Amino acid sequence: MVMCYRNVENHIRRLLLNKKVSMIHCEKSFQCCLESLVQDVQYMPLLGIDTETKPNREKGPRNTVELLQVATTNANVGLFRLSHLPPHCLASLNDFLRSKTVVKIGVGLHHDVKVLNEDFDINISNAIELTDVLKKYVPSGSQPPTYGLKRLVEWYLSNLGLSKCKRVALSNWAMPPSYYSQRMIDYAANDALFPIFIYLIAVSHLVNFSETGDFNLNSIVSCINELNKFHVS
């Protein structure tokens, strides 16, 4: 079991070194990114999902979602500036996320599903709340925190030196994409990637690896198929 865990950690380290992050704010960049995401889920049908919204400094109605982050198990991440995209691009994105053959996983995903539908009429099917899944896979006598991605990252990914910065979370996500700092881009991408990484570590004892240290495709797809028992939408 320890060897499987280390194999997963090494696999995640390789993913982080080679991750591809694309800021999507026009039709041309949208088409290229969507085609890449579609190719990835044909190999492994799992997506990490998260959203970012400009924080409210005062009490009042919530702000509109500004950013939708979509990540694949290949560490391919699309950062979609939804308000910048034309309606036909949003329709294509909706079709992609409505696929029932692809599992979407995240923390606080109930909320993300709700606000994406309210703000942009985007519907996410087969959405899985990560904290519900973790209750099944944690070792006997051990219980991880169930109240936020930051604590889950500390619990599962601390050996990888990964963390979440609250200061970056409070950034103005409504600013033009060209003004996004590299820290904001990394933060947003990781918020979609972290749920995938945490899930892979949680099921590390169920995953087989090749001699090169890569996932055995059948074993990880089998684990992903098990996620269908937990879907929230």
C-alpha atoms as a PDB file:
ATOM      1  CA  MET A   1       0.000   0.000   0.000  1.00  0.00           C
ATOM      2  CA  VAL A   2       2.876   2.385   0.820  1.00  0.00           C
ATOM      3  CA  MET A   3       4.422   1.684  -2.591  1.00  0.00           C
ATOM      4  CA  CYS A   4       1.108   2.466  -4.323  1.00  0.00           C
ATOM      5  CA  TYR A   5       0.872   5.734  -2.381  1.00  0.00           C
ATOM      6  CA  ARG A   6       4.406   6.712  -3.402  1.00  0.00           C
ATOM      7  CA  ASN A   7       3.676   5.818  -7.010  1.00  0.00           C
ATOM      8  CA  VAL A   8       0.663   8.142  -6.959  1.00  0.00           C
ATOM      9  CA  GLU A   9       2.731  10.930  -5.395  1.00  0.00           C
ATOM     10  CA  ASN A  10       5.406  10.525  -8.063  1.00  0.00           C
ATOM     11  CA  HIS A  11       2.724  10.516 -10.749  1.00  0.00           C
ATOM     12  CA  ILE A  12       1.274  13.776  -9.380  1.00  0.00           C
ATOM     13  CA  ARG A  13       4.726  15.371  -9.285  1.00  0.00           C
ATOM     14  CA  ARG A  14       5.168  14.562 -12.980  1.00  0.00           C
ATOM     15  CA  LEU A  15       1.753  16.001 -13.737  1.00  0.00           C
ATOM     16  CA  LEU A  16       2.589  19.243 -11.943  1.00  0.00           C
ATOM     17  CA  LEU A  17       5.841  19.608 -13.857  1.00  0.00           C
ATOM     18  CA  ASN A  18       4.041  19.163 -17.169  1.00  0.00           C
ATOM     19  CA  LYS A  19       0.660  20.759 -16.489  1.00  0.00           C
ATOM     20  CA  LYS A  20      -0.851  22.853 -19.256  1.00  0.00           C
ATOM     21  CA  VAL A  21      -2.978  25.843 -18.265  1.00  0.00           C
ATOM     22  CA  SER A  22      -4.948  27.825 -20.856  1.00  0.00           C
ATOM     23  CA  MET A  23      -6.774  31.101 -20.243  1.00  0.00           C
ATOM     24  CA  ILE A  24      -9.885  31.018 -22.408  1.00  0.00           C
ATOM     25  CA  HIS A  25     -11.471  34.355 -23.232  1.00  0.00           C
ATOM     26  CA  CYS A  26     -12.136  34.288 -26.988  1.00  0.00           C
ATOM     27  CA  GLU A  27     -13.552  31.917 -29.595  1.00  0.00           C
ATOM     28  CA  LYS A  28     -10.194  30.837 -31.023  1.00  0.00           C
ATOM     29  CA  SER A  29      -8.663  29.847 -27.692  1.00  0.00           C
ATOM     30  CA  PHE A  30     -11.954  28.215 -26.686  1.00  0.00           C
ATOM     31  CA  GLN A  31     -12.056  25.826 -29.635  1.00  0.00           C
ATOM     32  CA  CYS A  32      -8.454  24.681 -29.167  1.00  0.00           C
ATOM     33  CA  CYS A  33      -8.894  24.092 -25.447  1.00  0.00           C
ATOM     34  CA  LEU A  34     -12.211  22.288 -25.742  1.00  0.00           C
ATOM     35  CA  GLU A  35     -10.837  19.893 -28.353  1.00  0.00           C
ATOM     36  CA  SER A  36      -7.932  19.109 -26.039  1.00  0.00           C
ATOM     37  CA  LEU A  37     -10.226  18.478 -23.058  1.00  0.00           C
ATOM     38  CA  VAL A  38     -12.458  16.216 -25.150  1.00  0.00           C
ATOM     39  CA  GLN A  39      -9.447  14.135 -26.187  1.00  0.00           C
ATOM     40  CA  ASP A  40      -8.294  13.766 -22.580  1.00  0.00           C
ATOM     41  CA  VAL A  41     -11.629  12.518 -21.211  1.00  0.00           C
ATOM     42  CA  GLN A  42     -11.782   9.877 -23.921  1.00  0.00           C
ATOM     43  CA  TYR A  43      -8.680   8.420 -22.277  1.00  0.00           C
ATOM     44  CA  MET A  44      -9.802   8.915 -18.668  1.00  0.00           C
ATOM     45  CA  PRO A  45     -13.386  10.139 -18.024  1.00  0.00           C
ATOM     46  CA  LEU A  46     -12.775  12.375 -15.005  1.00  0.00           C
ATOM     47  CA  LEU A  47     -12.776  16.189 -14.696  1.00  0.00           C
ATOM     48  CA  GLY A  48     -11.927  18.459 -11.781  1.00  0.00           C
ATOM     49  CA  ILE A  49     -14.261  21.453 -11.528  1.00  0.00           C
ATOM     50  CA  ASP A  50     -14.135  24.743  -9.632  1.00  0.00           C
ATOM     51  CA  THR A  51     -15.286  28.353  -9.994  1.00  0.00           C
ATOM     52  CA  GLU A  52     -14.018  31.755  -8.894  1.00  0.00           C
ATOM     53  CA  THR A  53     -16.104  34.850  -8.179  1.00  0.00           C
ATOM     54  CA  LYS A  54     -15.122  38.407  -7.315  1.00  0.00           C
ATOM     55  CA  PRO A  55     -15.454  38.584  -3.519  1.00  0.00           C
ATOM     56  CA  ASN A  56     -18.063  40.856  -1.973  1.00  0.00           C
ATOM     57  CA  ARG A  57     -16.519  43.467   0.312  1.00  0.00           C
ATOM     58  CA  GLU A  58     -19.922  44.318   1.762  1.00  0.00           C
ATOM     59  CA  LYS A  59     -23.122  42.403   2.436  1.00  0.00           C
ATOM     60  CA  GLY A  60     -25.403  42.089  -0.553  1.00  0.00           C
ATOM     61  CA  PRO A  61     -26.265  39.867  -3.524  1.00  0.00           C
ATOM     62  CA  ARG A  62     -23.494  37.538  -4.622  1.00  0.00           C
ATOM     63  CA  ASN A  63     -21.407  38.461  -7.644  1.00  0.00           C
ATOM     64  CA  THR A  64     -21.648  36.605 -10.941  1.00  0.00           C
ATOM     65  CA  VAL A  65     -19.244  33.720 -11.522  1.00  0.00           C
ATOM     66  CA  GLU A  66     -16.190  35.040 -13.362  1.00  0.00           C
ATOM     67  CA  LEU A  67     -14.066  31.958 -13.910  1.00  0.00           C
ATOM     68  CA  LEU A  68     -14.795  28.291 -14.509  1.00  0.00           C
ATOM     69  CA  GLN A  69     -11.835  25.939 -14.108  1.00  0.00           C
ATOM     70  CA  VAL A  70     -11.918  22.543 -15.785  1.00  0.00           C
ATOM     71  CA  ALA A  71      -9.029  20.086 -15.306  1.00  0.00           C
ATOM     72  CA  THR A  72      -8.309  16.613 -16.686  1.00  0.00           C
ATOM     73  CA  THR A  73      -6.314  13.773 -15.154  1.00  0.00           C
ATOM     74  CA  ASN A  74      -3.586  14.706 -17.637  1.00  0.00           C
ATOM     75  CA  ALA A  75      -3.150  18.066 -15.845  1.00  0.00           C
ATOM     76  CA  ASN A  76      -4.681  19.909 -18.771  1.00  0.00           C
ATOM     77  CA  VAL A  77      -6.583  22.900 -17.344  1.00  0.00           C
ATOM     78  CA  GLY A  78      -8.903  25.346 -19.052  1.00  0.00           C
ATOM     79  CA  LEU A  79      -9.659  28.626 -17.271  1.00  0.00           C
ATOM     80  CA  PHE A  80     -12.849  29.894 -18.876  1.00  0.00           C
ATOM     81  CA  ARG A  81     -13.696  33.599 -18.515  1.00  0.00           C
ATOM     82  CA  LEU A  82     -17.381  32.973 -19.002  1.00  0.00           C
ATOM     83  CA  SER A  83     -18.542  36.574 -19.425  1.00  0.00           C
ATOM     84  CA  HIS A  84     -16.038  37.043 -22.273  1.00  0.00           C
ATOM     85  CA  LEU A  85     -17.235  34.089 -24.336  1.00  0.00           C
ATOM     86  CA  PRO A  86     -19.918  34.318 -27.066  1.00  0.00           C
ATOM     87  CA  PRO A  87     -23.190  32.400 -26.561  1.00  0.00           C
ATOM     88  CA  HIS A  88     -22.333  29.592 -28.997  1.00  0.00           C
ATOM     89  CA  CYS A  89     -19.115  28.864 -27.067  1.00  0.00           C
ATOM     90  CA  LEU A  90     -21.065  28.704 -23.810  1.00  0.00           C
ATOM     91  CA  ALA A  91     -23.506  26.323 -25.504  1.00  0.00           C
ATOM     92  CA  SER A  92     -20.643  24.043 -26.582  1.00  0.00           C
ATOM     93  CA  LEU A  93     -19.170  24.142 -23.084  1.00  0.00           C
ATOM     94  CA  ASN A  94     -22.570  23.244 -21.671  1.00  0.00           C
ATOM     95  CA  ASP A  95     -22.847  20.254 -24.016  1.00  0.00           C
ATOM     96  CA  PHE A  96     -19.411  19.055 -22.900  1.00  0.00           C
ATOM     97  CA  LEU A  97     -20.187  19.345 -19.191  1.00  0.00           C
ATOM     98  CA  ARG A  98     -23.599  17.695 -19.543  1.00  0.00           C
ATOM     99  CA  SER A  99     -22.032  14.416 -20.656  1.00  0.00           C
ATOM    100  CA  LYS A 100     -23.131  11.639 -18.329  1.00  0.00           C
ATOM    101  CA  THR A 101     -20.180   9.451 -19.311  1.00  0.00           C
ATOM    102  CA  VAL A 102     -17.651  11.827 -17.723  1.00  0.00           C
ATOM    103  CA  VAL A 103     -17.447  12.211 -13.934  1.00  0.00           C
ATOM    104  CA  LYS A 104     -16.934  15.734 -12.566  1.00  0.00           C
ATOM    105  CA  ILE A 105     -15.414  16.031  -9.102  1.00  0.00           C
ATOM    106  CA  GLY A 106     -14.823  18.972  -6.791  1.00  0.00           C
ATOM    107  CA  VAL A 107     -15.226  20.422  -3.315  1.00  0.00           C
ATOM    108  CA  GLY A 108     -18.342  22.505  -2.753  1.00  0.00           C
ATOM    109  CA  LEU A 109     -19.532  21.302  -6.135  1.00  0.00           C
ATOM    110  CA  HIS A 110     -23.198  21.581  -5.150  1.00  0.00           C
ATOM    111  CA  HIS A 111     -22.723  25.357  -4.999  1.00  0.00           C
ATOM    112  CA  ASP A 112     -20.720  25.534  -8.235  1.00  0.00           C
ATOM    113  CA  VAL A 113     -23.352  23.537 -10.119  1.00  0.00           C
ATOM    114  CA  LYS A 114     -26.069  25.853  -8.818  1.00  0.00           C
ATOM    115  CA  VAL A 115     -24.413  29.198  -9.622  1.00  0.00           C
ATOM    116  CA  LEU A 116     -23.221  28.107 -13.084  1.00  0.00           C
ATOM    117  CA  ASN A 117     -26.774  27.213 -13.950  1.00  0.00           C
ATOM    118  CA  GLU A 118     -28.167  30.460 -12.544  1.00  0.00           C
ATOM    119  CA  ASP A 119     -25.592  32.757 -14.153  1.00  0.00           C
ATOM    120  CA  PHE A 120     -24.866  31.128 -17.516  1.00  0.00           C
ATOM    121  CA  ASP A 121     -27.422  28.340 -17.946  1.00  0.00           C
ATOM    122  CA  ILE A 122     -24.565  25.809 -17.788  1.00  0.00           C
ATOM    123  CA  ASN A 123     -25.632  22.381 -16.559  1.00  0.00           C
ATOM    124  CA  ILE A 124     -23.140  19.914 -15.084  1.00  0.00           C
ATOM    125  CA  SER A 125     -24.196  16.265 -15.113  1.00  0.00           C
ATOM    126  CA  ASN A 126     -22.672  13.438 -13.074  1.00  0.00           C
ATOM    127  CA  ALA A 127     -21.194  15.848 -10.519  1.00  0.00           C
ATOM    128  CA  ILE A 128     -19.506  14.292  -7.475  1.00  0.00           C
ATOM    129  CA  GLU A 129     -18.812  15.964  -4.133  1.00  0.00           C
ATOM    130  CA  LEU A 130     -15.284  14.888  -3.178  1.00  0.00           C
ATOM    131  CA  THR A 131     -15.895  14.957   0.573  1.00  0.00           C
ATOM    132  CA  ASP A 132     -18.672  12.376   0.187  1.00  0.00           C
ATOM    133  CA  VAL A 133     -16.323  10.050  -1.682  1.00  0.00           C
ATOM    134  CA  LEU A 134     -13.507  10.344   0.850  1.00  0.00           C
ATOM    135  CA  LYS A 135     -15.679   8.932   3.622  1.00  0.00           C
ATOM    136  CA  LYS A 136     -15.625   5.589   1.772  1.00  0.00           C
ATOM    137  CA  TYR A 137     -11.881   5.393   1.177  1.00  0.00           C
ATOM    138  CA  VAL A 138     -10.205   6.735   4.338  1.00  0.00           C
ATOM    139  CA  PRO A 139      -8.462   4.112   6.509  1.00  0.00           C
ATOM    140  CA  SER A 140     -10.382   2.689   9.453  1.00  0.00           C
ATOM    141  CA  GLY A 141     -10.090   4.914  12.531  1.00  0.00           C
ATOM    142  CA  SER A 142      -8.984   7.919  10.498  1.00  0.00           C
ATOM    143  CA  GLN A 143     -11.235  10.746   9.339  1.00  0.00           C
ATOM    144  CA  PRO A 144     -10.031  13.611   7.119  1.00  0.00           C
ATOM    145  CA  PRO A 145     -11.501  17.101   7.460  1.00  0.00           C
ATOM    146  CA  THR A 146     -14.688  17.552   5.457  1.00  0.00           C
ATOM    147  CA  TYR A 147     -15.032  21.305   5.424  1.00  0.00           C
ATOM    148  CA  GLY A 148     -13.006  22.810   2.617  1.00  0.00           C
ATOM    149  CA  LEU A 149     -10.394  22.179  -0.036  1.00  0.00           C
ATOM    150  CA  LYS A 150      -7.663  23.989   1.902  1.00  0.00           C
ATOM    151  CA  ARG A 151      -7.808  21.506   4.790  1.00  0.00           C
ATOM    152  CA  LEU A 152      -8.074  18.547   2.422  1.00  0.00           C
ATOM    153  CA  VAL A 153      -4.941  19.737   0.622  1.00  0.00           C
ATOM    154  CA  GLU A 154      -3.137  19.958   3.978  1.00  0.00           C
ATOM    155  CA  TRP A 155      -4.334  16.431   4.823  1.00  0.00           C
ATOM    156  CA  TYR A 156      -3.583  14.656   1.536  1.00  0.00           C
ATOM    157  CA  LEU A 157      -1.029  16.730  -0.389  1.00  0.00           C
ATOM    158  CA  SER A 158       1.296  18.247   2.236  1.00  0.00           C
ATOM    159  CA  ASN A 159       4.069  15.798   1.303  1.00  0.00           C
ATOM    160  CA  LEU A 160       4.031  17.356  -2.167  1.00  0.00           C
ATOM    161  CA  GLY A 161       4.523  20.860  -0.811  1.00  0.00           C
ATOM    162  CA  LEU A 162       1.144  21.977  -2.152  1.00  0.00           C
ATOM    163  CA  SER A 163      -0.979  24.584  -0.410  1.00  0.00           C
ATOM    164  CA  LYS A 164      -3.775  27.126  -0.893  1.00  0.00           C
ATOM    165  CA  CYS A 165      -3.305  30.855  -0.229  1.00  0.00           C
ATOM    166  CA  LYS A 166      -6.349  32.705   1.120  1.00  0.00           C
ATOM    167  CA  ARG A 167      -4.968  36.058  -0.043  1.00  0.00           C
ATOM    168  CA  VAL A 168      -4.983  34.903  -3.666  1.00  0.00           C
ATOM    169  CA  ALA A 169      -8.500  33.498  -3.239  1.00  0.00           C
ATOM    170  CA  LEU A 170      -9.714  37.028  -2.456  1.00  0.00           C
ATOM    171  CA  SER A 171      -8.321  38.447  -5.712  1.00  0.00           C
ATOM    172  CA  ASN A 172     -10.460  40.477  -8.100  1.00  0.00           C
ATOM    173  CA  TRP A 173     -11.388  37.709 -10.523  1.00  0.00           C
ATOM    174  CA  ALA A 174     -13.447  40.197 -12.546  1.00  0.00           C
ATOM    175  CA  MET A 175     -10.360  42.022 -13.837  1.00  0.00           C
ATOM    176  CA  PRO A 176      -9.377  41.568 -17.511  1.00  0.00           C
ATOM    177  CA  PRO A 177      -7.613  38.229 -18.157  1.00  0.00           C
ATOM    178  CA  SER A 178      -4.392  40.013 -19.163  1.00  0.00           C
ATOM    179  CA  TYR A 179      -4.180  41.435 -15.632  1.00  0.00           C
ATOM    180  CA  TYR A 180      -4.235  38.043 -13.929  1.00  0.00           C
ATOM    181  CA  SER A 181      -1.000  37.413 -12.047  1.00  0.00           C
ATOM    182  CA  GLN A 182       0.801  34.090 -12.365  1.00  0.00           C
ATOM    183  CA  ARG A 183      -0.156  33.349  -8.758  1.00  0.00           C
ATOM    184  CA  MET A 184      -3.837  33.807  -9.621  1.00  0.00           C
ATOM    185  CA  ILE A 185      -3.524  31.534 -12.652  1.00  0.00           C
ATOM    186  CA  ASP A 186      -1.731  28.834 -10.640  1.00  0.00           C
ATOM    187  CA  TYR A 187      -4.239  29.124  -7.798  1.00  0.00           C
ATOM    188  CA  ALA A 188      -7.219  28.781 -10.121  1.00  0.00           C
ATOM    189  CA  ALA A 189      -5.715  25.848 -12.018  1.00  0.00           C
ATOM    190  CA  ASN A 190      -4.794  24.020  -8.831  1.00  0.00           C
ATOM    191  CA  ASP A 191      -8.295  24.412  -7.420  1.00  0.00           C
ATOM    192  CA  ALA A 192      -9.532  22.223 -10.267  1.00  0.00           C
ATOM    193  CA  LEU A 193      -6.540  19.856 -10.162  1.00  0.00           C
ATOM    194  CA  PHE A 194      -6.403  19.294  -6.382  1.00  0.00           C
ATOM    195  CA  PRO A 195      -9.677  17.312  -6.173  1.00  0.00           C
ATOM    196  CA  ILE A 196      -8.338  14.929  -8.827  1.00  0.00           C
ATOM    197  CA  PHE A 197      -5.022  14.537  -6.981  1.00  0.00           C
ATOM    198  CA  ILE A 198      -6.751  13.968  -3.639  1.00  0.00           C
ATOM    199  CA  TYR A 199      -9.023  11.328  -5.145  1.00  0.00           C
ATOM    200  CA  LEU A 200      -6.070   9.514  -6.733  1.00  0.00           C
ATOM    201  CA  ILE A 201      -4.276   9.401  -3.379  1.00  0.00           C
ATOM    202  CA  ALA A 202      -7.434   8.233  -1.576  1.00  0.00           C
ATOM    203  CA  VAL A 203      -7.763   5.256  -3.955  1.00  0.00           C
ATOM    204  CA  SER A 204      -4.022   4.630  -4.332  1.00  0.00           C
ATOM    205  CA  HIS A 205      -4.371   1.149  -2.817  1.00  0.00           C
ATOM    206  CA  LEU A 206      -6.769   0.237  -5.643  1.00  0.00           C
ATOM    207  CA  VAL A 207      -4.670   1.501  -8.537  1.00  0.00           C
ATOM    208  CA  ASN A 208      -2.158  -0.623 -10.439  1.00  0.00           C
ATOM    209  CA  PHE A 209       0.949   0.777 -12.103  1.00  0.00           C
ATOM    210  CA  SER A 210       3.135  -0.256 -15.012  1.00  0.00           C
ATOM    211  CA  GLU A 211       6.891  -0.770 -14.705  1.00  0.00           C
ATOM    212  CA  THR A 212       7.382   2.841 -15.861  1.00  0.00           C
ATOM    213  CA  GLY A 213       5.265   4.126 -12.973  1.00  0.00           C
ATOM    214  CA  ASP A 214       2.259   5.053 -15.109  1.00  0.00           C
ATOM    215  CA  PHE A 215      -1.317   4.218 -14.192  1.00  0.00           C
ATOM    216  CA  ASN A 216      -2.813   1.006 -15.388  1.00  0.00           C
ATOM    217  CA  LEU A 217      -5.702   2.480 -17.347  1.00  0.00           C
ATOM    218  CA  ASN A 218      -8.213  -0.249 -16.547  1.00  0.00           C
ATOM    219  CA  SER A 219      -7.653   0.010 -12.787  1.00  0.00           C
ATOM    220  CA  ILE A 220      -8.130   3.784 -12.605  1.00  0.00           C
ATOM    221  CA  VAL A 221     -11.132   3.759 -14.941  1.00  0.00           C
ATOM    222  CA  SER A 222     -12.662   1.108 -12.688  1.00  0.00           C
ATOM    223  CA  CYS A 223     -12.199   3.467  -9.730  1.00  0.00           C
ATOM    224  CA  ILE A 224     -13.743   6.339 -11.696  1.00  0.00           C
ATOM    225  CA  ASN A 225     -16.731   4.177 -12.564  1.00  0.00           C
ATOM    226  CA  GLU A 226     -17.242   3.593  -8.844  1.00  0.00           C
ATOM    227  CA  LEU A 227     -17.743   7.353  -8.454  1.00  0.00           C
ATOM    228  CA  ASN A 228     -21.084   7.086 -10.208  1.00  0.00           C
ATOM    229  CA  LYS A 229     -22.519   5.844  -6.912  1.00  0.00           C
ATOM    230  CA  PHE A 230     -21.927   9.281  -5.401  1.00  0.00           C
ATOM    231  CA  HIS A 231     -23.279  11.650  -8.062  1.00  0.00           C
ATOM    232  CA  VAL A 232     -25.177  14.746  -6.885  1.00  0.00           C
ATOM    233  CA  SER A 233     -26.634  15.871 -10.217  1.00  0.00           C
END
